[in-house]
C-alpha atoms as a PDB file:
ATOM      1  CA  UNK A   1     -70.927 104.099 203.013  1.00  0.00           C
ATOM      2  CA  UNK A   2     -71.380 106.674 205.403  1.00  0.00           C
ATOM      3  CA  UNK A   3     -72.224 110.355 203.872  1.00  0.00           C
ATOM      4  CA  UNK A   4     -68.942 112.029 203.389  1.00  0.00           C
ATOM      5  CA  UNK A   5     -69.299 114.531 206.518  1.00  0.00           C
ATOM      6  CA  UNK A   6     -69.373 111.769 208.471  1.00  0.00           C
ATOM      7  CA  UNK A   7     -66.107 109.886 207.223  1.00  0.00           C
ATOM      8  CA  UNK A   8     -63.632 112.035 209.304  1.00  0.00           C
ATOM      9  CA  UNK A   9     -63.278 111.843 212.985  1.00  0.00           C
ATOM     10  CA  UNK A  10     -65.097 114.976 213.841  1.00  0.00           C
ATOM     11  CA  UNK A  11     -68.092 112.841 214.757  1.00  0.00           C
ATOM     12  CA  UNK A  12     -68.365 110.687 217.650  1.00  0.00           C
ATOM     13  CA  UNK A  13     -69.769 107.020 216.452  1.00  0.00           C
ATOM     14  CA  UNK A  14     -71.720 105.364 218.905  1.00  0.00           C
ATOM     15  CA  UNK A  15     -73.716 101.842 218.312  1.00  0.00           C
ATOM     16  CA  UNK A  16     -77.451 101.825 219.159  1.00  0.00           C
ATOM     17  CA  UNK A  17     -79.554  98.643 219.341  1.00  0.00           C
ATOM     18  CA  UNK A  18     -82.910  99.584 217.795  1.00  0.00           C
ATOM     19  CA  UNK A  19     -85.989  97.513 218.904  1.00  0.00           C
ATOM     20  CA  UNK A  20     -85.882  95.152 215.530  1.00  0.00           C
ATOM     21  CA  UNK A  21     -82.942  93.988 216.930  1.00  0.00           C
ATOM     22  CA  UNK A  22     -80.724  95.751 214.585  1.00  0.00           C
ATOM     23  CA  UNK A  23     -77.313  97.295 215.349  1.00  0.00           C
ATOM     24  CA  UNK A  24     -77.062 101.047 213.882  1.00  0.00           C
ATOM     25  CA  UNK A  25     -74.145 103.363 213.777  1.00  0.00           C
ATOM     26  CA  UNK A  26     -75.255 107.036 215.285  1.00  0.00           C
ATOM     27  CA  UNK A  27     -73.068 110.008 214.582  1.00  0.00           C
ATOM     28  CA  UNK A  28     -72.960 112.632 217.394  1.00  0.00           C
ATOM     29  CA  UNK A  29     -70.644 115.788 217.838  1.00  0.00           C
ATOM     30  CA  UNK A  30     -67.895 115.326 220.069  1.00  0.00           C
ATOM     31  CA  UNK A  31     -67.906 117.475 223.503  1.00  0.00           C
ATOM     32  CA  UNK A  32     -66.093 120.569 223.962  1.00  0.00           C
ATOM     33  CA  UNK A  33     -62.702 120.769 225.818  1.00  0.00           C
ATOM     34  CA  UNK A  34     -63.354 121.664 229.366  1.00  0.00           C
ATOM     35  CA  UNK A  35     -62.827 125.256 230.399  1.00  0.00           C
ATOM     36  CA  UNK A  36     -59.691 126.774 231.653  1.00  0.00           C
ATOM     37  CA  UNK A  37     -58.640 129.645 233.515  1.00  0.00           C
ATOM     38  CA  UNK A  38     -57.556 133.037 231.465  1.00  0.00           C
ATOM     39  CA  UNK A  39     -55.060 134.374 233.415  1.00  0.00           C
ATOM     40  CA  UNK A  40     -53.270 130.860 234.438  1.00  0.00           C
ATOM     41  CA  UNK A  41     -54.453 128.275 232.369  1.00  0.00           C
ATOM     42  CA  UNK A  42     -55.883 126.022 235.334  1.00  0.00           C
ATOM     43  CA  UNK A  43     -58.820 123.898 234.820  1.00  0.00           C
ATOM     44  CA  UNK A  44     -62.040 125.509 235.745  1.00  0.00           C
ATOM     45  CA  UNK A  45     -64.269 123.436 237.933  1.00  0.00           C
ATOM     46  CA  UNK A  46     -68.241 124.044 237.916  1.00  0.00           C
ATOM     47  CA  UNK A  47     -68.459 124.867 234.342  1.00  0.00           C
ATOM     48  CA  UNK A  48     -70.244 122.341 232.325  1.00  0.00           C
ATOM     49  CA  UNK A  49     -69.026 120.764 229.066  1.00  0.00           C
ATOM     50  CA  UNK A  50     -71.490 120.784 226.452  1.00  0.00           C
ATOM     51  CA  UNK A  51     -72.090 121.791 222.910  1.00  0.00           C
ATOM     52  CA  UNK A  52     -74.023 125.115 222.764  1.00  0.00           C
ATOM     53  CA  UNK A  53     -77.406 124.257 222.274  1.00  0.00           C
ATOM     54  CA  UNK A  54     -76.977 121.973 225.549  1.00  0.00           C
ATOM     55  CA  UNK A  55     -75.538 124.718 227.620  1.00  0.00           C
ATOM     56  CA  UNK A  56     -78.482 127.121 226.384  1.00  0.00           C
ATOM     57  CA  UNK A  57     -80.998 124.718 228.407  1.00  0.00           C
ATOM     58  CA  UNK A  58     -79.371 124.869 231.512  1.00  0.00           C
ATOM     59  CA  UNK A  59     -80.284 127.529 234.195  1.00  0.00           C
ATOM     60  CA  UNK A  60     -78.361 130.642 234.888  1.00  0.00           C
ATOM     61  CA  UNK A  61     -76.755 129.105 237.953  1.00  0.00           C
ATOM     62  CA  UNK A  62     -75.938 125.987 236.388  1.00  0.00           C
ATOM     63  CA  UNK A  63     -73.720 127.424 233.257  1.00  0.00           C
ATOM     64  CA  UNK A  64     -71.047 128.585 235.541  1.00  0.00           C
ATOM     65  CA  UNK A  65     -69.834 129.864 239.426  1.00  0.00           C
ATOM     66  CA  UNK A  66     -71.938 132.612 240.682  1.00  0.00           C
ATOM     67  CA  UNK A  67     -69.218 134.844 241.518  1.00  0.00           C
ATOM     68  CA  UNK A  68     -67.197 137.888 240.040  1.00  0.00           C
ATOM     69  CA  UNK A  69     -65.279 136.301 236.912  1.00  0.00           C
ATOM     70  CA  UNK A  70     -67.031 132.794 237.402  1.00  0.00           C
ATOM     71  CA  UNK A  71     -66.198 130.533 234.779  1.00  0.00           C
ATOM     72  CA  UNK A  72     -63.277 133.026 233.521  1.00  0.00           C
ATOM     73  CA  UNK A  73     -60.717 133.004 236.041  1.00  0.00           C
ATOM     74  CA  UNK A  74     -59.801 130.396 238.716  1.00  0.00           C
ATOM     75  CA  UNK A  75     -60.262 131.349 242.194  1.00  0.00           C
ATOM     76  CA  UNK A  76     -56.815 132.238 243.081  1.00  0.00           C
ATOM     77  CA  UNK A  77     -56.313 134.453 240.386  1.00  0.00           C
ATOM     78  CA  UNK A  78     -59.795 136.207 241.282  1.00  0.00           C
ATOM     79  CA  UNK A  79     -58.302 136.835 244.793  1.00  0.00           C
ATOM     80  CA  UNK A  80     -55.052 138.182 243.148  1.00  0.00           C
ATOM     81  CA  UNK A  81     -56.894 140.371 240.682  1.00  0.00           C
ATOM     82  CA  UNK A  82     -59.015 142.084 243.507  1.00  0.00           C
ATOM     83  CA  UNK A  83     -55.935 142.255 246.158  1.00  0.00           C
ATOM     84  CA  UNK A  84     -54.055 143.959 243.222  1.00  0.00           C
ATOM     85  CA  UNK A  85     -56.908 146.174 242.531  1.00  0.00           C
ATOM     86  CA  UNK A  86     -57.482 147.241 246.004  1.00  0.00           C
ATOM     87  CA  UNK A  87     -53.442 147.782 246.421  1.00  0.00           C
ATOM     88  CA  UNK A  88     -53.739 150.184 243.039  1.00  0.00           C
ATOM     89  CA  UNK A  89     -56.750 151.854 244.606  1.00  0.00           C
ATOM     90  CA  UNK A  90     -54.982 152.627 248.067  1.00  0.00           C
ATOM     91  CA  UNK A  91     -51.715 153.737 246.499  1.00  0.00           C
ATOM     92  CA  UNK A  92     -53.457 156.235 244.007  1.00  0.00           C
ATOM     93  CA  UNK A  93     -55.259 157.718 246.823  1.00  0.00           C
ATOM     94  CA  UNK A  94     -52.410 157.890 248.844  1.00  0.00           C
ATOM     95  CA  UNK A  95     -50.435 159.753 246.255  1.00  0.00           C
ATOM     96  CA  UNK A  96     -52.882 162.726 245.865  1.00  0.00           C
END
């Protein structure tokens, strides 16, 4: 009987063959969901899926795209944000 914590489907079950020829069951945590854009909810590319201990081992450039709002907003939403910001700055300068 597996330990109580392994009875739920929280853990992914994988069968491994030992050098002795036995097949044993290994339990490991499932991968987290893919990252999504904070604004539109679209899937973000270039952001790896992994448990925190796996992500910690990656270099900074591998953790997320190297651009403003990388790993948080998709490129389209980033462009919209910068256009909006530029327009608001231009409008405030014209008004004063």
